[in-house]
Amino acid sequence: MTKSTKFHHMRRNFGHMLLAPQVRMARAGLGISVRELAARSGVADSTILRFETERGGILAANLNRIQTALEEGGVTFLNADAHGGPGVRLKP
């Protein structure tokens, strides 16, 4: 298996995992559907749904595209810390 075909959920810059619940929360916060996220990110809606429902892995490149689309829409992803688990925040 080549590096480009490995499935994983790692954040492109910081090495933190972007989790399926964070993607669901981000979509809910923006009020967009899986289909709308697919259009914004260029990732198939079936791929997004499979990842969100934790029924399969996702290519890092696709996860990065999803993350970028959500961040451009106004979402900030939060990592777990001493005050709570991973989450999302909407930019003002």
PDB file of N, CA and C in Angstrom:
ATOM      1  N   MET A   1       0.857  -1.178   0.000  1.00  0.00           N
ATOM      2  CA  MET A   1       0.000   0.000   0.000  1.00  0.00           C
ATOM      3  C   MET A   1       0.897   1.233   0.000  1.00  0.00           C
ATOM      4  N   THR A   2       0.636   2.136  -0.907  1.00  0.00           N
ATOM      5  CA  THR A   2       1.440   3.349  -0.964  1.00  0.00           C
ATOM      6  C   THR A   2       0.943   4.356   0.043  1.00  0.00           C
ATOM      7  N   LYS A   3       1.782   5.319   0.322  1.00  0.00           N
ATOM      8  CA  LYS A   3       1.409   6.352   1.286  1.00  0.00           C
ATOM      9  C   LYS A   3       0.154   7.093   0.849  1.00  0.00           C
ATOM     10  N   SER A   4      -0.023   7.314  -0.459  1.00  0.00           N
ATOM     11  CA  SER A   4      -1.170   8.075  -0.942  1.00  0.00           C
ATOM     12  C   SER A   4      -2.476   7.311  -0.839  1.00  0.00           C
ATOM     13  N   THR A   5      -2.431   5.981  -0.706  1.00  0.00           N
ATOM     14  CA  THR A   5      -3.669   5.214  -0.628  1.00  0.00           C
ATOM     15  C   THR A   5      -4.013   4.772   0.788  1.00  0.00           C
ATOM     16  N   LYS A   6      -3.203   5.113   1.750  1.00  0.00           N
ATOM     17  CA  LYS A   6      -3.508   4.750   3.133  1.00  0.00           C
ATOM     18  C   LYS A   6      -4.699   5.558   3.629  1.00  0.00           C
ATOM     19  N   PHE A   7      -5.559   4.892   4.375  1.00  0.00           N
ATOM     20  CA  PHE A   7      -6.697   5.558   4.981  1.00  0.00           C
ATOM     21  C   PHE A   7      -6.316   5.995   6.386  1.00  0.00           C
ATOM     22  N   HIS A   8      -6.551   7.241   6.671  1.00  0.00           N
ATOM     23  CA  HIS A   8      -6.360   7.720   8.030  1.00  0.00           C
ATOM     24  C   HIS A   8      -7.101   9.022   8.204  1.00  0.00           C
ATOM     25  N   HIS A   9      -7.164   9.480   9.418  1.00  0.00           N
ATOM     26  CA  HIS A   9      -7.967  10.634   9.772  1.00  0.00           C
ATOM     27  C   HIS A   9      -7.119  11.737  10.391  1.00  0.00           C
ATOM     28  N   MET A  10      -5.927  11.940   9.897  1.00  0.00           N
ATOM     29  CA  MET A  10      -5.028  12.896  10.522  1.00  0.00           C
ATOM     30  C   MET A  10      -5.200  14.290   9.937  1.00  0.00           C
ATOM     31  N   ARG A  11      -5.125  15.282  10.773  1.00  0.00           N
ATOM     32  CA  ARG A  11      -5.193  16.690  10.379  1.00  0.00           C
ATOM     33  C   ARG A  11      -3.943  17.014   9.585  1.00  0.00           C
ATOM     34  N   ARG A  12      -4.096  17.748   8.509  1.00  0.00           N
ATOM     35  CA  ARG A  12      -2.989  17.988   7.587  1.00  0.00           C
ATOM     36  C   ARG A  12      -1.838  18.772   8.188  1.00  0.00           C
ATOM     37  N   ASN A  13      -2.071  19.714   9.085  1.00  0.00           N
ATOM     38  CA  ASN A  13      -0.986  20.565   9.561  1.00  0.00           C
ATOM     39  C   ASN A  13      -0.525  20.234  10.970  1.00  0.00           C
ATOM     40  N   PHE A  14      -1.408  19.862  11.838  1.00  0.00           N
ATOM     41  CA  PHE A  14      -1.055  19.790  13.247  1.00  0.00           C
ATOM     42  C   PHE A  14      -0.989  18.368  13.799  1.00  0.00           C
ATOM     43  N   GLY A  15      -1.316  17.371  13.004  1.00  0.00           N
ATOM     44  CA  GLY A  15      -1.226  16.006  13.471  1.00  0.00           C
ATOM     45  C   GLY A  15      -2.372  15.580  14.362  1.00  0.00           C
ATOM     46  N   HIS A  16      -3.399  16.415  14.533  1.00  0.00           N
ATOM     47  CA  HIS A  16      -4.550  16.059  15.349  1.00  0.00           C
ATOM     48  C   HIS A  16      -5.621  15.423  14.482  1.00  0.00           C
ATOM     49  N   MET A  17      -6.351  14.509  15.065  1.00  0.00           N
ATOM     50  CA  MET A  17      -7.392  13.830  14.314  1.00  0.00           C
ATOM     51  C   MET A  17      -8.637  14.702  14.191  1.00  0.00           C
ATOM     52  N   LEU A  18      -9.195  14.762  12.997  1.00  0.00           N
ATOM     53  CA  LEU A  18     -10.503  15.355  12.777  1.00  0.00           C
ATOM     54  C   LEU A  18     -11.483  14.196  12.841  1.00  0.00           C
ATOM     55  N   LEU A  19     -12.425  14.263  13.757  1.00  0.00           N
ATOM     56  CA  LEU A  19     -13.331  13.152  14.006  1.00  0.00           C
ATOM     57  C   LEU A  19     -14.666  13.318  13.292  1.00  0.00           C
ATOM     58  N   ALA A  20     -15.308  12.189  13.023  1.00  0.00           N
ATOM     59  CA  ALA A  20     -16.608  12.191  12.355  1.00  0.00           C
ATOM     60  C   ALA A  20     -17.628  13.070  13.079  1.00  0.00           C
ATOM     61  N   PRO A  21     -17.736  13.006  14.416  1.00  0.00           N
ATOM     62  CA  PRO A  21     -18.704  13.881  15.089  1.00  0.00           C
ATOM     63  C   PRO A  21     -18.421  15.369  14.870  1.00  0.00           C
ATOM     64  N   GLN A  22     -17.152  15.730  14.726  1.00  0.00           N
ATOM     65  CA  GLN A  22     -16.823  17.127  14.462  1.00  0.00           C
ATOM     66  C   GLN A  22     -17.336  17.558  13.097  1.00  0.00           C
ATOM     67  N   VAL A  23     -17.239  16.686  12.114  1.00  0.00           N
ATOM     68  CA  VAL A  23     -17.748  17.014  10.785  1.00  0.00           C
ATOM     69  C   VAL A  23     -19.268  17.167  10.847  1.00  0.00           C
ATOM     70  N   ARG A  24     -19.939  16.270  11.537  1.00  0.00           N
ATOM     71  CA  ARG A  24     -21.402  16.377  11.685  1.00  0.00           C
ATOM     72  C   ARG A  24     -21.785  17.668  12.399  1.00  0.00           C
ATOM     73  N   MET A  25     -21.065  17.994  13.487  1.00  0.00           N
ATOM     74  CA  MET A  25     -21.358  19.229  14.224  1.00  0.00           C
ATOM     75  C   MET A  25     -21.108  20.456  13.361  1.00  0.00           C
ATOM     76  N   ALA A  26     -20.041  20.428  12.593  1.00  0.00           N
ATOM     77  CA  ALA A  26     -19.718  21.561  11.724  1.00  0.00           C
ATOM     78  C   ALA A  26     -20.804  21.761  10.677  1.00  0.00           C
ATOM     79  N   ARG A  27     -21.247  20.678  10.068  1.00  0.00           N
ATOM     80  CA  ARG A  27     -22.327  20.785   9.079  1.00  0.00           C
ATOM     81  C   ARG A  27     -23.593  21.332   9.712  1.00  0.00           C
ATOM     82  N   ALA A  28     -23.926  20.825  10.900  1.00  0.00           N
ATOM     83  CA  ALA A  28     -25.130  21.298  11.597  1.00  0.00           C
ATOM     84  C   ALA A  28     -25.011  22.780  11.923  1.00  0.00           C
ATOM     85  N   GLY A  29     -23.850  23.196  12.379  1.00  0.00           N
ATOM     86  CA  GLY A  29     -23.636  24.596  12.717  1.00  0.00           C
ATOM     87  C   GLY A  29     -23.788  25.516  11.513  1.00  0.00           C
ATOM     88  N   LEU A  30     -23.360  25.043  10.364  1.00  0.00           N
ATOM     89  CA  LEU A  30     -23.477  25.835   9.143  1.00  0.00           C
ATOM     90  C   LEU A  30     -24.841  25.655   8.470  1.00  0.00           C
ATOM     91  N   GLY A  31     -25.591  24.657   8.943  1.00  0.00           N
ATOM     92  CA  GLY A  31     -26.903  24.397   8.353  1.00  0.00           C
ATOM     93  C   GLY A  31     -26.824  23.862   6.934  1.00  0.00           C
ATOM     94  N   ILE A  32     -25.818  23.017   6.672  1.00  0.00           N
ATOM     95  CA  ILE A  32     -25.680  22.458   5.328  1.00  0.00           C
ATOM     96  C   ILE A  32     -25.833  20.940   5.356  1.00  0.00           C
ATOM     97  N   SER A  33     -26.273  20.402   4.251  1.00  0.00           N
ATOM     98  CA  SER A  33     -26.463  18.962   4.107  1.00  0.00           C
ATOM     99  C   SER A  33     -25.171  18.287   3.663  1.00  0.00           C
ATOM    100  N   VAL A  34     -25.190  16.970   3.693  1.00  0.00           N
ATOM    101  CA  VAL A  34     -24.064  16.199   3.164  1.00  0.00           C
ATOM    102  C   VAL A  34     -23.865  16.554   1.691  1.00  0.00           C
ATOM    103  N   ARG A  35     -24.956  16.666   0.964  1.00  0.00           N
ATOM    104  CA  ARG A  35     -24.871  16.996  -0.463  1.00  0.00           C
ATOM    105  C   ARG A  35     -24.224  18.370  -0.676  1.00  0.00           C
ATOM    106  N   GLU A  36     -24.579  19.348   0.164  1.00  0.00           N
ATOM    107  CA  GLU A  36     -23.986  20.682   0.045  1.00  0.00           C
ATOM    108  C   GLU A  36     -22.492  20.643   0.380  1.00  0.00           C
ATOM    109  N   LEU A  37     -22.123  19.902   1.429  1.00  0.00           N
ATOM    110  CA  LEU A  37     -20.703  19.771   1.769  1.00  0.00           C
ATOM    111  C   LEU A  37     -19.951  19.094   0.630  1.00  0.00           C
ATOM    112  N   ALA A  38     -20.566  18.103   0.009  1.00  0.00           N
ATOM    113  CA  ALA A  38     -19.936  17.425  -1.125  1.00  0.00           C
ATOM    114  C   ALA A  38     -19.667  18.412  -2.255  1.00  0.00           C
ATOM    115  N   ALA A  39     -20.634  19.270  -2.538  1.00  0.00           N
ATOM    116  CA  ALA A  39     -20.462  20.269  -3.600  1.00  0.00           C
ATOM    117  C   ALA A  39     -19.356  21.262  -3.247  1.00  0.00           C
ATOM    118  N   ARG A  40     -19.301  21.681  -1.992  1.00  0.00           N
ATOM    119  CA  ARG A  40     -18.290  22.655  -1.565  1.00  0.00           C
ATOM    120  C   ARG A  40     -16.887  22.070  -1.540  1.00  0.00           C
ATOM    121  N   SER A  41     -16.783  20.787  -1.187  1.00  0.00           N
ATOM    122  CA  SER A  41     -15.471  20.168  -0.992  1.00  0.00           C
ATOM    123  C   SER A  41     -14.966  19.388  -2.197  1.00  0.00           C
ATOM    124  N   GLY A  42     -15.867  18.995  -3.073  1.00  0.00           N
ATOM    125  CA  GLY A  42     -15.468  18.154  -4.194  1.00  0.00           C
ATOM    126  C   GLY A  42     -15.274  16.700  -3.813  1.00  0.00           C
ATOM    127  N   VAL A  43     -15.771  16.312  -2.639  1.00  0.00           N
ATOM    128  CA  VAL A  43     -15.696  14.931  -2.164  1.00  0.00           C
ATOM    129  C   VAL A  43     -17.096  14.320  -2.312  1.00  0.00           C
ATOM    130  N   ALA A  44     -17.169  13.109  -2.783  1.00  0.00           N
ATOM    131  CA  ALA A  44     -18.462  12.454  -3.016  1.00  0.00           C
ATOM    132  C   ALA A  44     -19.296  12.410  -1.741  1.00  0.00           C
ATOM    133  N   ASP A  45     -20.593  12.624  -1.887  1.00  0.00           N
ATOM    134  CA  ASP A  45     -21.465  12.589  -0.716  1.00  0.00           C
ATOM    135  C   ASP A  45     -21.456  11.221  -0.045  1.00  0.00           C
ATOM    136  N   SER A  46     -21.289  10.149  -0.821  1.00  0.00           N
ATOM    137  CA  SER A  46     -21.226   8.810  -0.229  1.00  0.00           C
ATOM    138  C   SER A  46     -19.977   8.656   0.641  1.00  0.00           C
ATOM    139  N   THR A  47     -18.881   9.285   0.256  1.00  0.00           N
ATOM    140  CA  THR A  47     -17.650   9.241   1.047  1.00  0.00           C
ATOM    141  C   THR A  47     -17.836   9.989   2.359  1.00  0.00           C
ATOM    142  N   ILE A  48     -18.467  11.160   2.277  1.00  0.00           N
ATOM    143  CA  ILE A  48     -18.716  11.961   3.484  1.00  0.00           C
ATOM    144  C   ILE A  48     -19.643  11.204   4.424  1.00  0.00           C
ATOM    145  N   LEU A  49     -20.709  10.639   3.893  1.00  0.00           N
ATOM    146  CA  LEU A  49     -21.665   9.902   4.724  1.00  0.00           C
ATOM    147  C   LEU A  49     -21.010   8.688   5.368  1.00  0.00           C
ATOM    148  N   ARG A  50     -20.201   7.966   4.607  1.00  0.00           N
ATOM    149  CA  ARG A  50     -19.506   6.796   5.158  1.00  0.00           C
ATOM    150  C   ARG A  50     -18.591   7.217   6.307  1.00  0.00           C
ATOM    151  N   PHE A  51     -17.881   8.341   6.148  1.00  0.00           N
ATOM    152  CA  PHE A  51     -16.998   8.818   7.216  1.00  0.00           C
ATOM    153  C   PHE A  51     -17.805   9.275   8.423  1.00  0.00           C
ATOM    154  N   GLU A  52     -18.849  10.079   8.187  1.00  0.00           N
ATOM    155  CA  GLU A  52     -19.649  10.605   9.302  1.00  0.00           C
ATOM    156  C   GLU A  52     -20.314   9.509  10.115  1.00  0.00           C
ATOM    157  N   THR A  53     -20.703   8.429   9.463  1.00  0.00           N
ATOM    158  CA  THR A  53     -21.363   7.323  10.164  1.00  0.00           C
ATOM    159  C   THR A  53     -20.363   6.287  10.663  1.00  0.00           C
ATOM    160  N   GLU A  54     -19.073   6.580  10.452  1.00  0.00           N
ATOM    161  CA  GLU A  54     -17.981   5.731  10.918  1.00  0.00           C
ATOM    162  C   GLU A  54     -18.077   4.315  10.372  1.00  0.00           C
ATOM    163  N   ARG A  55     -18.487   4.208   9.114  1.00  0.00           N
ATOM    164  CA  ARG A  55     -18.592   2.909   8.447  1.00  0.00           C
ATOM    165  C   ARG A  55     -17.425   2.630   7.524  1.00  0.00           C
ATOM    166  N   GLY A  56     -16.435   3.509   7.551  1.00  0.00           N
ATOM    167  CA  GLY A  56     -15.260   3.298   6.722  1.00  0.00           C
ATOM    168  C   GLY A  56     -14.275   4.429   6.901  1.00  0.00           C
ATOM    169  N   GLY A  57     -13.076   4.204   6.433  1.00  0.00           N
ATOM    170  CA  GLY A  57     -12.031   5.212   6.509  1.00  0.00           C
ATOM    171  C   GLY A  57     -12.203   6.245   5.416  1.00  0.00           C
ATOM    172  N   ILE A  58     -11.282   7.166   5.378  1.00  0.00           N
ATOM    173  CA  ILE A  58     -11.299   8.225   4.375  1.00  0.00           C
ATOM    174  C   ILE A  58      -9.864   8.575   4.028  1.00  0.00           C
ATOM    175  N   LEU A  59      -9.626   8.861   2.783  1.00  0.00           N
ATOM    176  CA  LEU A  59      -8.291   9.297   2.377  1.00  0.00           C
ATOM    177  C   LEU A  59      -7.980  10.641   3.030  1.00  0.00           C
ATOM    178  N   ALA A  60      -6.751  10.803   3.436  1.00  0.00           N
ATOM    179  CA  ALA A  60      -6.345  12.059   4.069  1.00  0.00           C
ATOM    180  C   ALA A  60      -6.630  13.249   3.160  1.00  0.00           C
ATOM    181  N   ALA A  61      -6.414  13.095   1.869  1.00  0.00           N
ATOM    182  CA  ALA A  61      -6.665  14.198   0.935  1.00  0.00           C
ATOM    183  C   ALA A  61      -8.138  14.596   0.939  1.00  0.00           C
ATOM    184  N   ASN A  62      -9.032  13.619   1.008  1.00  0.00           N
ATOM    185  CA  ASN A  62     -10.464  13.932   1.052  1.00  0.00           C
ATOM    186  C   ASN A  62     -10.851  14.586   2.366  1.00  0.00           C
ATOM    187  N   LEU A  63     -10.278  14.109   3.455  1.00  0.00           N
ATOM    188  CA  LEU A  63     -10.574  14.711   4.753  1.00  0.00           C
ATOM    189  C   LEU A  63     -10.076  16.154   4.789  1.00  0.00           C
ATOM    190  N   ASN A  64      -8.931  16.403   4.202  1.00  0.00           N
ATOM    191  CA  ASN A  64      -8.413  17.771   4.134  1.00  0.00           C
ATOM    192  C   ASN A  64      -9.332  18.668   3.320  1.00  0.00           C
ATOM    193  N   ARG A  65      -9.879  18.146   2.219  1.00  0.00           N
ATOM    194  CA  ARG A  65     -10.797  18.929   1.396  1.00  0.00           C
ATOM    195  C   ARG A  65     -12.084  19.253   2.160  1.00  0.00           C
ATOM    196  N   ILE A  66     -12.586  18.285   2.915  1.00  0.00           N
ATOM    197  CA  ILE A  66     -13.779  18.503   3.731  1.00  0.00           C
ATOM    198  C   ILE A  66     -13.490  19.562   4.791  1.00  0.00           C
ATOM    199  N   GLN A  67     -12.371  19.404   5.475  1.00  0.00           N
ATOM    200  CA  GLN A  67     -12.002  20.344   6.526  1.00  0.00           C
ATOM    201  C   GLN A  67     -11.850  21.751   5.969  1.00  0.00           C
ATOM    202  N   THR A  68     -11.183  21.881   4.841  1.00  0.00           N
ATOM    203  CA  THR A  68     -10.991  23.192   4.227  1.00  0.00           C
ATOM    204  C   THR A  68     -12.333  23.827   3.866  1.00  0.00           C
ATOM    205  N   ALA A  69     -13.234  23.051   3.288  1.00  0.00           N
ATOM    206  CA  ALA A  69     -14.547  23.583   2.912  1.00  0.00           C
ATOM    207  C   ALA A  69     -15.316  24.064   4.140  1.00  0.00           C
ATOM    208  N   LEU A  70     -15.259  23.318   5.231  1.00  0.00           N
ATOM    209  CA  LEU A  70     -15.963  23.714   6.451  1.00  0.00           C
ATOM    210  C   LEU A  70     -15.309  24.938   7.087  1.00  0.00           C
ATOM    211  N   GLU A  71     -13.991  24.986   7.088  1.00  0.00           N
ATOM    212  CA  GLU A  71     -13.300  26.155   7.640  1.00  0.00           C
ATOM    213  C   GLU A  71     -13.584  27.400   6.806  1.00  0.00           C
ATOM    214  N   GLU A  72     -13.620  27.259   5.498  1.00  0.00           N
ATOM    215  CA  GLU A  72     -13.949  28.397   4.639  1.00  0.00           C
ATOM    216  C   GLU A  72     -15.392  28.854   4.856  1.00  0.00           C
ATOM    217  N   GLY A  73     -16.235  27.935   5.310  1.00  0.00           N
ATOM    218  CA  GLY A  73     -17.621  28.267   5.614  1.00  0.00           C
ATOM    219  C   GLY A  73     -17.790  28.952   6.957  1.00  0.00           C
ATOM    220  N   GLY A  74     -16.734  28.957   7.778  1.00  0.00           N
ATOM    221  CA  GLY A  74     -16.806  29.662   9.050  1.00  0.00           C
ATOM    222  C   GLY A  74     -16.663  28.806  10.290  1.00  0.00           C
ATOM    223  N   VAL A  75     -16.123  27.604  10.153  1.00  0.00           N
ATOM    224  CA  VAL A  75     -15.963  26.698  11.286  1.00  0.00           C
ATOM    225  C   VAL A  75     -14.505  26.677  11.735  1.00  0.00           C
ATOM    226  N   THR A  76     -14.302  26.627  13.039  1.00  0.00           N
ATOM    227  CA  THR A  76     -12.991  26.373  13.631  1.00  0.00           C
ATOM    228  C   THR A  76     -13.089  25.046  14.368  1.00  0.00           C
ATOM    229  N   PHE A  77     -12.150  24.160  14.134  1.00  0.00           N
ATOM    230  CA  PHE A  77     -12.142  22.862  14.813  1.00  0.00           C
ATOM    231  C   PHE A  77     -11.328  22.967  16.093  1.00  0.00           C
ATOM    232  N   LEU A  78     -11.881  22.430  17.169  1.00  0.00           N
ATOM    233  CA  LEU A  78     -11.245  22.478  18.488  1.00  0.00           C
ATOM    234  C   LEU A  78     -10.760  21.091  18.868  1.00  0.00           C
ATOM    235  N   ASN A  79      -9.566  21.013  19.391  1.00  0.00           N
ATOM    236  CA  ASN A  79      -9.027  19.746  19.875  1.00  0.00           C
ATOM    237  C   ASN A  79      -9.434  19.538  21.326  1.00  0.00           C
ATOM    238  N   ALA A  80      -9.433  18.301  21.751  1.00  0.00           N
ATOM    239  CA  ALA A  80      -9.719  17.985  23.141  1.00  0.00           C
ATOM    240  C   ALA A  80      -8.640  18.624  24.019  1.00  0.00           C
ATOM    241  N   ASP A  81      -9.079  19.091  25.187  1.00  0.00           N
ATOM    242  CA  ASP A  81      -8.138  19.635  26.162  1.00  0.00           C
ATOM    243  C   ASP A  81      -8.656  19.311  27.558  1.00  0.00           C
ATOM    244  N   ALA A  82      -8.080  19.928  28.568  1.00  0.00           N
ATOM    245  CA  ALA A  82      -8.467  19.648  29.955  1.00  0.00           C
ATOM    246  C   ALA A  82      -9.904  20.057  30.259  1.00  0.00           C
ATOM    247  N   HIS A  83     -10.487  20.901  29.404  1.00  0.00           N
ATOM    248  CA  HIS A  83     -11.835  21.410  29.648  1.00  0.00           C
ATOM    249  C   HIS A  83     -12.921  20.662  28.888  1.00  0.00           C
ATOM    250  N   GLY A  84     -12.545  19.792  27.987  1.00  0.00           N
ATOM    251  CA  GLY A  84     -13.556  19.050  27.244  1.00  0.00           C
ATOM    252  C   GLY A  84     -12.985  18.339  26.039  1.00  0.00           C
ATOM    253  N   GLY A  85     -13.877  17.623  25.364  1.00  0.00           N
ATOM    254  CA  GLY A  85     -13.486  16.846  24.187  1.00  0.00           C
ATOM    255  C   GLY A  85     -13.400  17.703  22.948  1.00  0.00           C
ATOM    256  N   PRO A  86     -13.125  17.060  21.827  1.00  0.00           N
ATOM    257  CA  PRO A  86     -13.018  17.782  20.556  1.00  0.00           C
ATOM    258  C   PRO A  86     -14.374  18.377  20.168  1.00  0.00           C
ATOM    259  N   GLY A  87     -14.333  19.478  19.442  1.00  0.00           N
ATOM    260  CA  GLY A  87     -15.580  20.109  19.040  1.00  0.00           C
ATOM    261  C   GLY A  87     -15.364  21.071  17.893  1.00  0.00           C
ATOM    262  N   VAL A  88     -16.335  21.947  17.724  1.00  0.00           N
ATOM    263  CA  VAL A  88     -16.265  22.975  16.685  1.00  0.00           C
ATOM    264  C   VAL A  88     -16.759  24.290  17.252  1.00  0.00           C
ATOM    265  N   ARG A  89     -16.357  25.341  16.604  1.00  0.00           N
ATOM    266  CA  ARG A  89     -16.830  26.692  16.965  1.00  0.00           C
ATOM    267  C   ARG A  89     -17.066  27.429  15.657  1.00  0.00           C
ATOM    268  N   LEU A  90     -18.124  28.221  15.630  1.00  0.00           N
ATOM    269  CA  LEU A  90     -18.385  29.062  14.463  1.00  0.00           C
ATOM    270  C   LEU A  90     -17.661  30.379  14.616  1.00  0.00           C
ATOM    271  N   LYS A  91     -17.036  30.833  13.552  1.00  0.00           N
ATOM    272  CA  LYS A  91     -16.348  32.108  13.582  1.00  0.00           C
ATOM    273  C   LYS A  91     -17.383  33.215  13.600  1.00  0.00           C
ATOM    274  N   PRO A  92     -17.084  34.315  14.303  1.00  0.00           N
ATOM    275  CA  PRO A  92     -18.060  35.420  14.369  1.00  0.00           C
ATOM    276  C   PRO A  92     -18.274  36.078  13.005  1.00  0.00           C
TER     277      PRO A  92
END
